[in-house]
Amino acid sequence: MKNKIVDVVFKKFQSYSFIIFLALILGAFFVLAQLSKDDKDKPAGTNVTTTTEPINQTNDLVEDEVFKLPLAEGNYDIARDIYCTNATKEEQIAAIIQVDNTFFLNSGVNYTIDKETDFNVLASLTGKVTEVRQDSLHGYIVEVEHLYGIKTVYKSLDTVTVVIGDEIEQGDIIGKAGSNSFDSESGIHVHFEVLNGTTKLNPNELIGTKINEFDNE
């Protein structure tokens, strides 16, 4: 009698085990079907991973951008020009800065309105902010990287409105122009530099030219 009871219980357990197993299989199929449906509902190109690539860096509009002045179009002046070896002697002398007993060749262009009026400093090109720092001689300094290894540098800023990692568009406000102790004769200005790798370029020759001219691929 005892063996009969055990046999019946064992058979019922086997029956229930099969039902539980079947339920688990059906549940798994349901979960997989739901996941597949969610993937199909995603927009094309959706990716959950993040990227550090600057926005718009492959956009045709960005590749066709032309270098612009680092301030609003209109009345402006050059407080001190870049030092050029092919400039006249007078122009070269004017591009030399004396700090105490040391002389420096101006490596960019100092743009101003009238040496007394502050103004917004604007991004010359679309890019990514890679450096923001304050210097005791030059004031605030902002560096922005662009396509094809081009970098723009903005010095003599009184205030800044960007931080490292910001992806900015051409014409965005970077900060306010100010004066500095490195070149007090330039008054309120922005010192603007353009680099291709480590080579410093003449901004005067770049304004109005397309950045894709530096595409060496």
N, C-alpha and C. Protein backbone atom coordinates (compact mmCIF):
# COMPACT_ATOMS: atom_id res chain seq x y z
N MET A 1 0.83 -1.21 0.00
CA MET A 1 0.00 0.00 0.00
C MET A 1 0.87 1.26 0.00
N LYS A 2 1.88 1.19 0.86
CA LYS A 2 2.81 2.34 0.95
C LYS A 2 3.50 2.59 -0.38
N ASN A 3 3.91 1.54 -1.08
CA ASN A 3 4.60 1.69 -2.38
C ASN A 3 3.67 2.28 -3.43
N LYS A 4 2.36 1.94 -3.34
CA LYS A 4 1.39 2.46 -4.29
C LYS A 4 1.25 3.96 -4.15
N ILE A 5 1.20 4.38 -2.88
CA ILE A 5 1.05 5.84 -2.62
C ILE A 5 2.27 6.58 -3.15
N VAL A 6 3.46 6.04 -2.90
CA VAL A 6 4.70 6.67 -3.37
C VAL A 6 4.71 6.75 -4.88
N ASP A 7 4.24 5.67 -5.53
CA ASP A 7 4.22 5.63 -6.99
C ASP A 7 3.28 6.68 -7.57
N VAL A 8 2.12 6.86 -6.93
CA VAL A 8 1.15 7.85 -7.39
C VAL A 8 1.69 9.26 -7.22
N VAL A 9 2.30 9.52 -6.07
CA VAL A 9 2.88 10.85 -5.81
C VAL A 9 3.98 11.15 -6.81
N PHE A 10 4.80 10.14 -7.09
CA PHE A 10 5.92 10.35 -8.03
C PHE A 10 5.41 10.69 -9.42
N LYS A 11 4.34 9.97 -9.84
CA LYS A 11 3.79 10.23 -11.17
C LYS A 11 3.18 11.62 -11.25
N LYS A 12 2.48 12.01 -10.16
CA LYS A 12 1.90 13.36 -10.16
C LYS A 12 2.99 14.42 -10.19
N PHE A 13 4.11 14.17 -9.46
CA PHE A 13 5.24 15.12 -9.47
C PHE A 13 5.83 15.24 -10.87
N GLN A 14 5.95 14.09 -11.57
CA GLN A 14 6.47 14.14 -12.93
C GLN A 14 5.55 14.95 -13.83
N SER A 15 4.24 14.76 -13.63
CA SER A 15 3.26 15.50 -14.45
C SER A 15 3.37 17.00 -14.21
N TYR A 16 3.43 17.38 -12.93
CA TYR A 16 3.55 18.81 -12.61
C TYR A 16 4.89 19.38 -13.09
N SER A 17 5.96 18.62 -13.00
CA SER A 17 7.28 19.08 -13.46
C SER A 17 7.25 19.40 -14.94
N PHE A 18 6.55 18.52 -15.69
CA PHE A 18 6.46 18.75 -17.13
C PHE A 18 5.69 20.05 -17.43
N ILE A 19 4.63 20.28 -16.65
CA ILE A 19 3.83 21.51 -16.85
C ILE A 19 4.66 22.74 -16.52
N ILE A 20 5.42 22.68 -15.40
CA ILE A 20 6.28 23.81 -15.01
C ILE A 20 7.34 24.05 -16.06
N PHE A 21 7.95 22.96 -16.56
CA PHE A 21 8.97 23.08 -17.60
C PHE A 21 8.40 23.73 -18.86
N LEU A 22 7.18 23.28 -19.24
CA LEU A 22 6.53 23.83 -20.42
C LEU A 22 6.24 25.33 -20.23
N ALA A 23 5.82 25.70 -19.02
CA ALA A 23 5.52 27.11 -18.73
C ALA A 23 6.78 27.97 -18.85
N LEU A 24 7.91 27.44 -18.38
CA LEU A 24 9.18 28.17 -18.46
C LEU A 24 9.60 28.38 -19.91
N ILE A 25 9.41 27.34 -20.74
CA ILE A 25 9.75 27.44 -22.16
C ILE A 25 8.91 28.52 -22.84
N LEU A 26 7.59 28.49 -22.58
CA LEU A 26 6.70 29.48 -23.18
C LEU A 26 7.06 30.89 -22.72
N GLY A 27 7.40 31.01 -21.42
CA GLY A 27 7.80 32.33 -20.90
C GLY A 27 9.04 32.85 -21.59
N ALA A 28 10.01 31.96 -21.83
CA ALA A 28 11.26 32.37 -22.49
C ALA A 28 10.98 32.83 -23.92
N PHE A 29 10.11 32.09 -24.62
CA PHE A 29 9.75 32.49 -25.98
C PHE A 29 9.08 33.86 -25.99
N PHE A 30 8.23 34.12 -24.99
CA PHE A 30 7.54 35.41 -24.91
C PHE A 30 8.53 36.56 -24.70
N VAL A 31 9.50 36.35 -23.80
CA VAL A 31 10.51 37.39 -23.54
C VAL A 31 11.34 37.67 -24.79
N LEU A 32 11.77 36.60 -25.48
CA LEU A 32 12.56 36.78 -26.70
C LEU A 32 11.77 37.50 -27.79
N ALA A 33 10.48 37.16 -27.89
CA ALA A 33 9.64 37.81 -28.89
C ALA A 33 9.48 39.29 -28.59
N GLN A 34 9.36 39.62 -27.29
CA GLN A 34 9.21 41.03 -26.90
C GLN A 34 10.48 41.83 -27.19
N LEU A 35 11.64 41.21 -26.90
CA LEU A 35 12.92 41.88 -27.18
C LEU A 35 13.09 42.12 -28.67
N SER A 36 12.70 41.11 -29.47
CA SER A 36 12.80 41.26 -30.92
C SER A 36 11.91 42.38 -31.42
N LYS A 37 10.72 42.49 -30.82
CA LYS A 37 9.79 43.56 -31.21
C LYS A 37 10.35 44.93 -30.87
N ASP A 38 10.97 45.04 -29.67
CA ASP A 38 11.56 46.32 -29.26
C ASP A 38 12.66 46.75 -30.20
N ASP A 39 13.50 45.77 -30.65
CA ASP A 39 14.58 46.10 -31.58
C ASP A 39 14.05 46.61 -32.90
N LYS A 40 12.91 45.99 -33.36
CA LYS A 40 12.34 46.42 -34.63
C LYS A 40 11.73 47.81 -34.53
N ASP A 41 11.24 48.16 -33.32
CA ASP A 41 10.60 49.46 -33.12
C ASP A 41 11.61 50.58 -33.00
N LYS A 42 12.90 50.26 -32.80
CA LYS A 42 13.92 51.30 -32.68
C LYS A 42 14.12 51.98 -34.02
N PRO A 43 14.36 53.31 -34.00
CA PRO A 43 14.67 54.00 -35.26
C PRO A 43 15.96 53.46 -35.84
N ALA A 44 16.08 53.51 -37.15
CA ALA A 44 17.30 53.03 -37.81
C ALA A 44 18.50 53.80 -37.30
N GLY A 45 19.57 53.08 -36.97
CA GLY A 45 20.80 53.72 -36.53
C GLY A 45 20.85 53.96 -35.04
N THR A 46 19.79 53.60 -34.28
CA THR A 46 19.81 53.81 -32.84
C THR A 46 20.90 52.98 -32.21
N ASN A 47 21.67 53.60 -31.34
CA ASN A 47 22.76 52.91 -30.67
C ASN A 47 22.81 53.36 -29.23
N VAL A 48 22.89 52.46 -28.31
CA VAL A 48 22.85 52.82 -26.89
C VAL A 48 24.22 53.23 -26.38
N THR A 49 25.25 52.99 -27.14
CA THR A 49 26.58 53.38 -26.70
C THR A 49 26.79 54.86 -26.90
N THR A 50 27.65 55.44 -26.07
CA THR A 50 27.96 56.87 -26.17
C THR A 50 29.21 57.06 -26.99
N THR A 51 29.42 58.27 -27.47
CA THR A 51 30.60 58.57 -28.27
C THR A 51 31.17 59.92 -27.86
N THR A 52 32.48 60.07 -28.00
CA THR A 52 33.13 61.33 -27.68
C THR A 52 33.42 62.15 -28.92
N GLU A 53 32.96 61.66 -30.07
CA GLU A 53 33.21 62.39 -31.31
C GLU A 53 32.44 63.71 -31.31
N PRO A 54 33.07 64.84 -31.72
CA PRO A 54 32.36 66.11 -31.80
C PRO A 54 31.17 66.03 -32.74
N ILE A 55 30.10 66.73 -32.40
CA ILE A 55 28.91 66.71 -33.25
C ILE A 55 29.20 67.42 -34.56
N ASN A 56 28.51 66.95 -35.59
CA ASN A 56 28.56 67.59 -36.90
C ASN A 56 29.93 67.54 -37.57
N GLN A 57 30.86 66.74 -37.03
CA GLN A 57 32.20 66.75 -37.60
C GLN A 57 32.27 66.15 -38.99
N THR A 58 31.25 65.41 -39.41
CA THR A 58 31.24 64.88 -40.76
C THR A 58 30.14 65.51 -41.59
N ASN A 59 29.52 66.54 -41.04
CA ASN A 59 28.44 67.21 -41.74
C ASN A 59 29.01 68.03 -42.89
N ASP A 60 28.35 67.92 -44.05
CA ASP A 60 28.84 68.65 -45.23
C ASP A 60 28.90 70.14 -44.99
N LEU A 61 27.95 70.67 -44.22
CA LEU A 61 27.94 72.10 -43.95
C LEU A 61 29.18 72.52 -43.17
N VAL A 62 29.60 71.67 -42.22
CA VAL A 62 30.79 71.98 -41.43
C VAL A 62 32.04 71.92 -42.31
N GLU A 63 32.09 70.93 -43.20
CA GLU A 63 33.24 70.80 -44.09
C GLU A 63 33.35 71.98 -45.05
N ASP A 64 32.24 72.63 -45.31
CA ASP A 64 32.24 73.77 -46.22
C ASP A 64 32.31 75.11 -45.48
N GLU A 65 32.45 75.07 -44.16
CA GLU A 65 32.52 76.32 -43.41
C GLU A 65 33.75 77.12 -43.80
N VAL A 66 33.60 78.42 -43.76
CA VAL A 66 34.74 79.30 -44.00
C VAL A 66 35.16 79.93 -42.69
N PHE A 67 36.44 80.20 -42.55
CA PHE A 67 36.95 80.86 -41.35
C PHE A 67 36.29 82.23 -41.21
N LYS A 68 35.79 82.51 -40.01
CA LYS A 68 35.20 83.82 -39.74
C LYS A 68 35.97 84.54 -38.65
N LEU A 69 35.77 85.84 -38.59
CA LEU A 69 36.40 86.64 -37.54
C LEU A 69 35.88 86.19 -36.18
N PRO A 70 36.68 86.33 -35.14
CA PRO A 70 36.25 85.93 -33.80
C PRO A 70 35.41 87.00 -33.09
N LEU A 71 34.80 87.87 -33.86
CA LEU A 71 33.91 88.90 -33.33
C LEU A 71 32.88 89.24 -34.39
N ALA A 72 31.83 89.92 -34.00
CA ALA A 72 30.74 90.21 -34.92
C ALA A 72 31.24 91.06 -36.09
N GLU A 73 30.68 90.75 -37.27
CA GLU A 73 31.03 91.53 -38.46
C GLU A 73 30.62 93.00 -38.24
N GLY A 74 31.44 93.90 -38.70
CA GLY A 74 31.13 95.32 -38.53
C GLY A 74 32.40 96.10 -38.26
N ASN A 75 32.27 97.12 -37.44
CA ASN A 75 33.43 97.95 -37.13
C ASN A 75 34.37 97.23 -36.18
N TYR A 76 35.58 97.04 -36.61
CA TYR A 76 36.61 96.46 -35.76
C TYR A 76 37.96 96.97 -36.24
N ASP A 77 38.96 96.77 -35.43
CA ASP A 77 40.30 97.23 -35.78
C ASP A 77 41.29 96.15 -35.37
N ILE A 78 42.48 96.22 -35.89
CA ILE A 78 43.55 95.32 -35.49
C ILE A 78 44.50 96.10 -34.59
N ALA A 79 44.48 95.73 -33.30
CA ALA A 79 45.33 96.43 -32.34
C ALA A 79 46.80 96.07 -32.53
N ARG A 80 47.05 94.81 -32.87
CA ARG A 80 48.41 94.38 -33.17
C ARG A 80 48.32 93.19 -34.13
N ASP A 81 49.06 93.27 -35.23
CA ASP A 81 49.00 92.23 -36.24
C ASP A 81 49.98 91.10 -35.91
N ILE A 82 49.84 90.00 -36.64
CA ILE A 82 50.74 88.87 -36.48
C ILE A 82 52.11 89.22 -37.07
N TYR A 83 53.16 88.67 -36.49
CA TYR A 83 54.50 88.92 -37.02
C TYR A 83 54.72 88.04 -38.25
N CYS A 84 55.09 88.66 -39.35
CA CYS A 84 55.35 87.93 -40.60
C CYS A 84 56.75 88.26 -41.11
N THR A 85 57.44 87.23 -41.57
CA THR A 85 58.80 87.45 -42.07
C THR A 85 58.80 88.23 -43.38
N ASN A 86 57.68 88.19 -44.10
CA ASN A 86 57.63 88.91 -45.39
C ASN A 86 56.96 90.28 -45.26
N ALA A 87 56.75 90.73 -44.03
CA ALA A 87 56.16 92.05 -43.81
C ALA A 87 57.25 93.12 -43.90
N THR A 88 56.84 94.37 -43.95
CA THR A 88 57.81 95.46 -43.97
C THR A 88 58.46 95.58 -42.59
N LYS A 89 59.57 96.30 -42.53
CA LYS A 89 60.27 96.48 -41.26
C LYS A 89 59.36 97.16 -40.24
N GLU A 90 58.58 98.15 -40.69
CA GLU A 90 57.68 98.87 -39.79
C GLU A 90 56.61 97.92 -39.24
N GLU A 91 56.07 97.07 -40.12
CA GLU A 91 55.04 96.11 -39.69
C GLU A 91 55.62 95.08 -38.73
N GLN A 92 56.84 94.66 -38.98
CA GLN A 92 57.48 93.69 -38.09
C GLN A 92 57.73 94.29 -36.71
N ILE A 93 58.21 95.52 -36.69
CA ILE A 93 58.46 96.19 -35.40
C ILE A 93 57.16 96.35 -34.62
N ALA A 94 56.08 96.70 -35.34
CA ALA A 94 54.78 96.89 -34.68
C ALA A 94 54.23 95.58 -34.13
N ALA A 95 54.70 94.44 -34.66
CA ALA A 95 54.22 93.14 -34.22
C ALA A 95 55.08 92.53 -33.12
N ILE A 96 56.00 93.33 -32.58
CA ILE A 96 56.86 92.86 -31.48
C ILE A 96 56.33 93.42 -30.16
N ILE A 97 56.23 92.55 -29.17
CA ILE A 97 55.72 92.93 -27.85
C ILE A 97 56.86 92.88 -26.84
N GLN A 98 56.98 93.93 -26.07
CA GLN A 98 58.02 93.97 -25.03
C GLN A 98 57.36 93.77 -23.67
N VAL A 99 57.83 92.76 -22.95
CA VAL A 99 57.39 92.51 -21.58
C VAL A 99 58.62 92.57 -20.70
N ASP A 100 58.72 93.66 -19.93
CA ASP A 100 59.93 93.94 -19.14
C ASP A 100 61.12 94.03 -20.10
N ASN A 101 62.09 93.14 -19.95
CA ASN A 101 63.26 93.19 -20.83
C ASN A 101 63.25 92.08 -21.88
N THR A 102 62.09 91.49 -22.09
CA THR A 102 61.97 90.39 -23.04
C THR A 102 61.06 90.80 -24.20
N PHE A 103 61.44 90.40 -25.40
CA PHE A 103 60.67 90.74 -26.60
C PHE A 103 60.04 89.48 -27.19
N PHE A 104 58.76 89.60 -27.59
CA PHE A 104 58.02 88.49 -28.17
C PHE A 104 57.46 88.88 -29.53
N LEU A 105 57.44 87.89 -30.45
CA LEU A 105 56.82 88.10 -31.75
C LEU A 105 55.35 87.73 -31.63
N ASN A 106 54.45 88.62 -32.02
CA ASN A 106 53.03 88.33 -31.90
C ASN A 106 52.65 87.15 -32.80
N SER A 107 52.08 86.11 -32.19
CA SER A 107 51.82 84.87 -32.92
C SER A 107 50.39 84.76 -33.43
N GLY A 108 49.63 85.84 -33.31
CA GLY A 108 48.25 85.86 -33.80
C GLY A 108 47.87 87.29 -34.15
N VAL A 109 46.57 87.53 -34.24
CA VAL A 109 46.07 88.87 -34.53
C VAL A 109 45.24 89.35 -33.35
N ASN A 110 45.50 90.57 -32.90
CA ASN A 110 44.74 91.16 -31.81
C ASN A 110 43.61 92.01 -32.39
N TYR A 111 42.39 91.48 -32.31
CA TYR A 111 41.23 92.21 -32.82
C TYR A 111 40.60 93.03 -31.70
N THR A 112 40.19 94.25 -32.03
CA THR A 112 39.58 95.14 -31.06
C THR A 112 38.51 95.98 -31.76
N ILE A 113 37.72 96.69 -30.98
CA ILE A 113 36.79 97.66 -31.56
C ILE A 113 37.42 99.04 -31.50
N ASP A 114 37.74 99.46 -30.31
CA ASP A 114 38.44 100.75 -30.17
C ASP A 114 39.40 100.73 -28.98
N LYS A 115 39.77 99.54 -28.53
CA LYS A 115 40.65 99.31 -27.39
C LYS A 115 40.00 99.63 -26.05
N GLU A 116 38.76 100.15 -26.06
CA GLU A 116 38.10 100.51 -24.81
C GLU A 116 36.76 99.81 -24.62
N THR A 117 36.18 99.32 -25.70
CA THR A 117 34.85 98.72 -25.64
C THR A 117 34.95 97.19 -25.61
N ASP A 118 34.24 96.58 -24.64
CA ASP A 118 34.26 95.12 -24.62
C ASP A 118 33.29 94.57 -25.66
N PHE A 119 33.44 93.31 -26.01
CA PHE A 119 32.60 92.70 -27.03
C PHE A 119 32.62 91.18 -26.86
N ASN A 120 31.62 90.53 -27.47
CA ASN A 120 31.55 89.07 -27.43
C ASN A 120 32.59 88.47 -28.37
N VAL A 121 33.29 87.47 -27.88
CA VAL A 121 34.23 86.72 -28.71
C VAL A 121 33.49 85.50 -29.24
N LEU A 122 33.54 85.30 -30.56
CA LEU A 122 32.75 84.26 -31.22
C LEU A 122 33.64 83.16 -31.80
N ALA A 123 33.09 81.95 -31.85
CA ALA A 123 33.82 80.82 -32.44
C ALA A 123 33.98 81.04 -33.94
N SER A 124 35.20 80.95 -34.42
CA SER A 124 35.47 81.14 -35.84
C SER A 124 34.93 79.98 -36.67
N LEU A 125 34.92 78.78 -36.07
CA LEU A 125 34.46 77.57 -36.76
C LEU A 125 33.72 76.66 -35.77
N THR A 126 32.97 75.73 -36.29
CA THR A 126 32.35 74.70 -35.45
C THR A 126 33.44 73.77 -34.94
N GLY A 127 33.35 73.36 -33.68
CA GLY A 127 34.36 72.47 -33.14
C GLY A 127 34.09 72.08 -31.71
N LYS A 128 35.12 71.57 -31.05
CA LYS A 128 35.01 71.08 -29.67
C LYS A 128 36.03 71.79 -28.79
N VAL A 129 35.57 72.30 -27.66
CA VAL A 129 36.44 73.00 -26.72
C VAL A 129 37.35 71.98 -26.03
N THR A 130 38.65 72.17 -26.17
CA THR A 130 39.60 71.22 -25.60
C THR A 130 40.40 71.81 -24.43
N GLU A 131 40.35 73.12 -24.28
CA GLU A 131 41.08 73.72 -23.16
C GLU A 131 40.46 75.06 -22.78
N VAL A 132 40.33 75.25 -21.47
CA VAL A 132 39.91 76.53 -20.91
C VAL A 132 40.78 76.76 -19.68
N ARG A 133 41.53 77.83 -19.69
CA ARG A 133 42.40 78.09 -18.53
C ARG A 133 42.58 79.58 -18.33
N GLN A 134 43.04 79.96 -17.16
CA GLN A 134 43.32 81.36 -16.86
C GLN A 134 44.82 81.54 -16.70
N ASP A 135 45.35 82.54 -17.36
CA ASP A 135 46.78 82.81 -17.35
C ASP A 135 47.02 84.18 -16.74
N SER A 136 48.06 84.30 -15.91
CA SER A 136 48.33 85.56 -15.23
C SER A 136 48.70 86.69 -16.18
N LEU A 137 49.25 86.36 -17.34
CA LEU A 137 49.64 87.37 -18.32
C LEU A 137 48.59 87.58 -19.40
N HIS A 138 48.00 86.48 -19.90
CA HIS A 138 47.12 86.55 -21.07
C HIS A 138 45.64 86.59 -20.74
N GLY A 139 45.26 86.44 -19.47
CA GLY A 139 43.84 86.37 -19.14
C GLY A 139 43.31 84.97 -19.41
N TYR A 140 42.00 84.85 -19.63
CA TYR A 140 41.42 83.54 -19.95
C TYR A 140 41.81 83.14 -21.38
N ILE A 141 42.06 81.83 -21.53
CA ILE A 141 42.44 81.27 -22.83
C ILE A 141 41.51 80.10 -23.15
N VAL A 142 41.00 80.07 -24.38
CA VAL A 142 40.14 78.98 -24.82
C VAL A 142 40.71 78.41 -26.10
N GLU A 143 40.79 77.08 -26.17
CA GLU A 143 41.25 76.40 -27.38
C GLU A 143 40.13 75.51 -27.91
N VAL A 144 39.94 75.52 -29.24
CA VAL A 144 38.88 74.75 -29.88
C VAL A 144 39.48 73.94 -31.02
N GLU A 145 39.16 72.64 -31.08
CA GLU A 145 39.65 71.79 -32.16
C GLU A 145 38.58 71.66 -33.24
N HIS A 146 39.04 71.59 -34.50
CA HIS A 146 38.13 71.51 -35.65
C HIS A 146 38.55 70.36 -36.56
N LEU A 147 37.93 70.29 -37.71
CA LEU A 147 38.29 69.27 -38.69
C LEU A 147 39.72 69.44 -39.19
N TYR A 148 40.29 68.34 -39.67
CA TYR A 148 41.58 68.34 -40.38
C TYR A 148 42.75 68.87 -39.54
N GLY A 149 42.67 68.69 -38.22
CA GLY A 149 43.78 69.09 -37.36
C GLY A 149 43.89 70.58 -37.12
N ILE A 150 42.86 71.33 -37.47
CA ILE A 150 42.87 72.79 -37.26
C ILE A 150 42.46 73.09 -35.82
N LYS A 151 43.15 74.04 -35.22
CA LYS A 151 42.82 74.49 -33.87
C LYS A 151 42.78 76.02 -33.85
N THR A 152 41.79 76.59 -33.18
CA THR A 152 41.75 78.04 -32.98
C THR A 152 41.95 78.32 -31.50
N VAL A 153 42.66 79.42 -31.22
CA VAL A 153 42.98 79.81 -29.85
C VAL A 153 42.52 81.25 -29.63
N TYR A 154 41.87 81.48 -28.49
CA TYR A 154 41.33 82.80 -28.16
C TYR A 154 41.91 83.21 -26.81
N LYS A 155 42.71 84.27 -26.81
CA LYS A 155 43.35 84.74 -25.57
C LYS A 155 42.86 86.15 -25.23
N SER A 156 43.23 86.59 -24.04
CA SER A 156 42.87 87.91 -23.53
C SER A 156 41.36 88.03 -23.28
N LEU A 157 40.76 86.93 -22.81
CA LEU A 157 39.34 86.95 -22.50
C LEU A 157 39.15 87.38 -21.04
N ASP A 158 38.16 88.23 -20.82
CA ASP A 158 37.84 88.68 -19.46
C ASP A 158 36.95 87.66 -18.75
N THR A 159 36.04 87.06 -19.50
CA THR A 159 35.17 85.99 -18.99
C THR A 159 35.00 84.94 -20.07
N VAL A 160 34.60 83.73 -19.66
CA VAL A 160 34.34 82.66 -20.62
C VAL A 160 32.96 82.07 -20.36
N THR A 161 32.34 81.55 -21.42
CA THR A 161 31.00 80.96 -21.30
C THR A 161 30.99 79.50 -21.73
N VAL A 162 32.18 78.90 -21.93
CA VAL A 162 32.27 77.51 -22.34
C VAL A 162 33.14 76.74 -21.35
N VAL A 163 33.02 75.42 -21.42
CA VAL A 163 33.86 74.55 -20.59
C VAL A 163 34.46 73.47 -21.49
N ILE A 164 35.49 72.81 -20.98
CA ILE A 164 36.13 71.75 -21.75
C ILE A 164 35.11 70.66 -22.09
N GLY A 165 35.10 70.25 -23.34
CA GLY A 165 34.17 69.22 -23.79
C GLY A 165 32.96 69.76 -24.51
N ASP A 166 32.73 71.07 -24.41
CA ASP A 166 31.58 71.66 -25.11
C ASP A 166 31.76 71.53 -26.62
N GLU A 167 30.70 71.16 -27.29
CA GLU A 167 30.69 71.13 -28.76
C GLU A 167 29.95 72.36 -29.22
N ILE A 168 30.65 73.26 -29.86
CA ILE A 168 30.09 74.56 -30.20
C ILE A 168 30.00 74.75 -31.71
N GLU A 169 29.11 75.61 -32.10
CA GLU A 169 28.93 75.89 -33.52
C GLU A 169 29.56 77.24 -33.88
N GLN A 170 29.84 77.41 -35.14
CA GLN A 170 30.41 78.66 -35.62
C GLN A 170 29.52 79.82 -35.21
N GLY A 171 30.13 80.86 -34.63
CA GLY A 171 29.37 82.03 -34.21
C GLY A 171 28.90 81.98 -32.78
N ASP A 172 29.05 80.83 -32.09
CA ASP A 172 28.67 80.75 -30.68
C ASP A 172 29.57 81.65 -29.84
N ILE A 173 29.03 82.20 -28.77
CA ILE A 173 29.81 83.07 -27.89
C ILE A 173 30.73 82.23 -27.02
N ILE A 174 32.01 82.57 -27.03
CA ILE A 174 33.02 81.89 -26.23
C ILE A 174 33.25 82.64 -24.92
N GLY A 175 33.17 83.96 -24.98
CA GLY A 175 33.38 84.78 -23.80
C GLY A 175 33.39 86.25 -24.16
N LYS A 176 33.91 87.06 -23.24
CA LYS A 176 34.02 88.50 -23.45
C LYS A 176 35.49 88.87 -23.58
N ALA A 177 35.77 89.78 -24.51
CA ALA A 177 37.13 90.26 -24.69
C ALA A 177 37.53 91.13 -23.50
N GLY A 178 38.82 91.13 -23.20
CA GLY A 178 39.32 91.94 -22.09
C GLY A 178 40.73 92.43 -22.39
N SER A 179 41.34 93.04 -21.41
CA SER A 179 42.72 93.49 -21.55
C SER A 179 43.61 92.56 -20.73
N ASN A 180 44.92 92.59 -21.02
CA ASN A 180 45.83 91.76 -20.23
C ASN A 180 47.15 92.48 -20.02
N SER A 181 47.96 91.93 -19.15
CA SER A 181 49.24 92.55 -18.83
C SER A 181 50.33 92.15 -19.81
N PHE A 182 50.08 91.14 -20.66
CA PHE A 182 51.07 90.74 -21.65
C PHE A 182 51.20 91.79 -22.75
N ASP A 183 50.05 92.33 -23.18
CA ASP A 183 50.05 93.35 -24.23
C ASP A 183 49.03 94.42 -23.88
N SER A 184 49.37 95.22 -22.88
CA SER A 184 48.45 96.25 -22.40
C SER A 184 48.19 97.32 -23.46
N GLU A 185 49.12 97.49 -24.41
CA GLU A 185 48.95 98.50 -25.45
C GLU A 185 47.77 98.19 -26.37
N SER A 186 47.38 96.92 -26.45
CA SER A 186 46.26 96.53 -27.32
C SER A 186 44.91 96.81 -26.68
N GLY A 187 44.91 97.19 -25.40
CA GLY A 187 43.65 97.51 -24.74
C GLY A 187 42.73 96.29 -24.67
N ILE A 188 41.42 96.54 -24.74
CA ILE A 188 40.46 95.44 -24.76
C ILE A 188 40.46 94.80 -26.14
N HIS A 189 40.81 93.53 -26.20
CA HIS A 189 40.96 92.85 -27.49
C HIS A 189 40.84 91.35 -27.29
N VAL A 190 40.77 90.62 -28.40
CA VAL A 190 40.92 89.17 -28.38
C VAL A 190 42.13 88.83 -29.24
N HIS A 191 43.03 88.07 -28.66
CA HIS A 191 44.19 87.59 -29.40
C HIS A 191 43.79 86.27 -30.05
N PHE A 192 43.80 86.23 -31.38
CA PHE A 192 43.27 85.09 -32.14
C PHE A 192 44.39 84.38 -32.89
N GLU A 193 44.52 83.08 -32.65
CA GLU A 193 45.52 82.27 -33.33
C GLU A 193 44.84 81.11 -34.06
N VAL A 194 45.45 80.68 -35.16
CA VAL A 194 44.99 79.50 -35.89
C VAL A 194 46.20 78.59 -36.10
N LEU A 195 46.05 77.32 -35.73
CA LEU A 195 47.13 76.35 -35.89
C LEU A 195 46.68 75.18 -36.74
N ASN A 196 47.60 74.70 -37.57
CA ASN A 196 47.41 73.46 -38.33
C ASN A 196 48.44 72.49 -37.78
N GLY A 197 48.02 71.63 -36.86
CA GLY A 197 48.97 70.82 -36.12
C GLY A 197 49.73 71.74 -35.17
N THR A 198 51.04 71.82 -35.34
CA THR A 198 51.85 72.72 -34.51
C THR A 198 52.25 73.99 -35.27
N THR A 199 51.84 74.09 -36.53
CA THR A 199 52.20 75.24 -37.36
C THR A 199 51.19 76.37 -37.18
N LYS A 200 51.67 77.54 -36.82
CA LYS A 200 50.79 78.70 -36.65
C LYS A 200 50.58 79.38 -38.00
N LEU A 201 49.32 79.61 -38.31
CA LEU A 201 48.95 80.21 -39.58
C LEU A 201 48.56 81.67 -39.40
N ASN A 202 48.54 82.40 -40.50
CA ASN A 202 48.17 83.81 -40.47
C ASN A 202 46.64 83.93 -40.62
N PRO A 203 45.95 84.35 -39.55
CA PRO A 203 44.48 84.47 -39.64
C PRO A 203 44.02 85.38 -40.77
N ASN A 204 44.80 86.40 -41.07
CA ASN A 204 44.43 87.34 -42.13
C ASN A 204 44.27 86.65 -43.48
N GLU A 205 45.03 85.57 -43.68
CA GLU A 205 45.00 84.86 -44.95
C GLU A 205 43.93 83.76 -44.98
N LEU A 206 43.30 83.52 -43.82
CA LEU A 206 42.34 82.43 -43.72
C LEU A 206 40.89 82.88 -43.73
N ILE A 207 40.63 84.09 -43.21
CA ILE A 207 39.26 84.57 -43.12
C ILE A 207 38.60 84.53 -44.51
N GLY A 208 37.48 83.80 -44.61
CA GLY A 208 36.78 83.68 -45.87
C GLY A 208 37.14 82.45 -46.68
N THR A 209 38.15 81.68 -46.24
CA THR A 209 38.53 80.46 -46.96
C THR A 209 37.89 79.25 -46.29
N LYS A 210 37.66 78.18 -47.06
CA LYS A 210 37.00 76.99 -46.53
C LYS A 210 37.98 76.12 -45.75
N ILE A 211 37.47 75.54 -44.68
CA ILE A 211 38.31 74.67 -43.86
C ILE A 211 38.70 73.40 -44.61
N ASN A 212 37.84 72.96 -45.58
CA ASN A 212 38.15 71.70 -46.28
C ASN A 212 39.36 71.83 -47.20
N GLU A 213 39.92 73.02 -47.32
CA GLU A 213 41.17 73.16 -48.07
C GLU A 213 42.32 72.46 -47.34
N PHE A 214 42.09 72.13 -46.06
CA PHE A 214 43.11 71.44 -45.27
C PHE A 214 42.89 69.93 -45.25
N ASP A 215 41.93 69.45 -46.05
CA ASP A 215 41.66 68.03 -46.15
C ASP A 215 42.72 67.40 -47.04
N ASN A 216 43.63 66.65 -46.42
CA ASN A 216 44.74 66.05 -47.17
C ASN A 216 44.48 64.62 -47.56
N GLU A 217 43.26 64.11 -47.32
CA GLU A 217 42.97 62.72 -47.66
C GLU A 217 42.83 62.54 -49.18
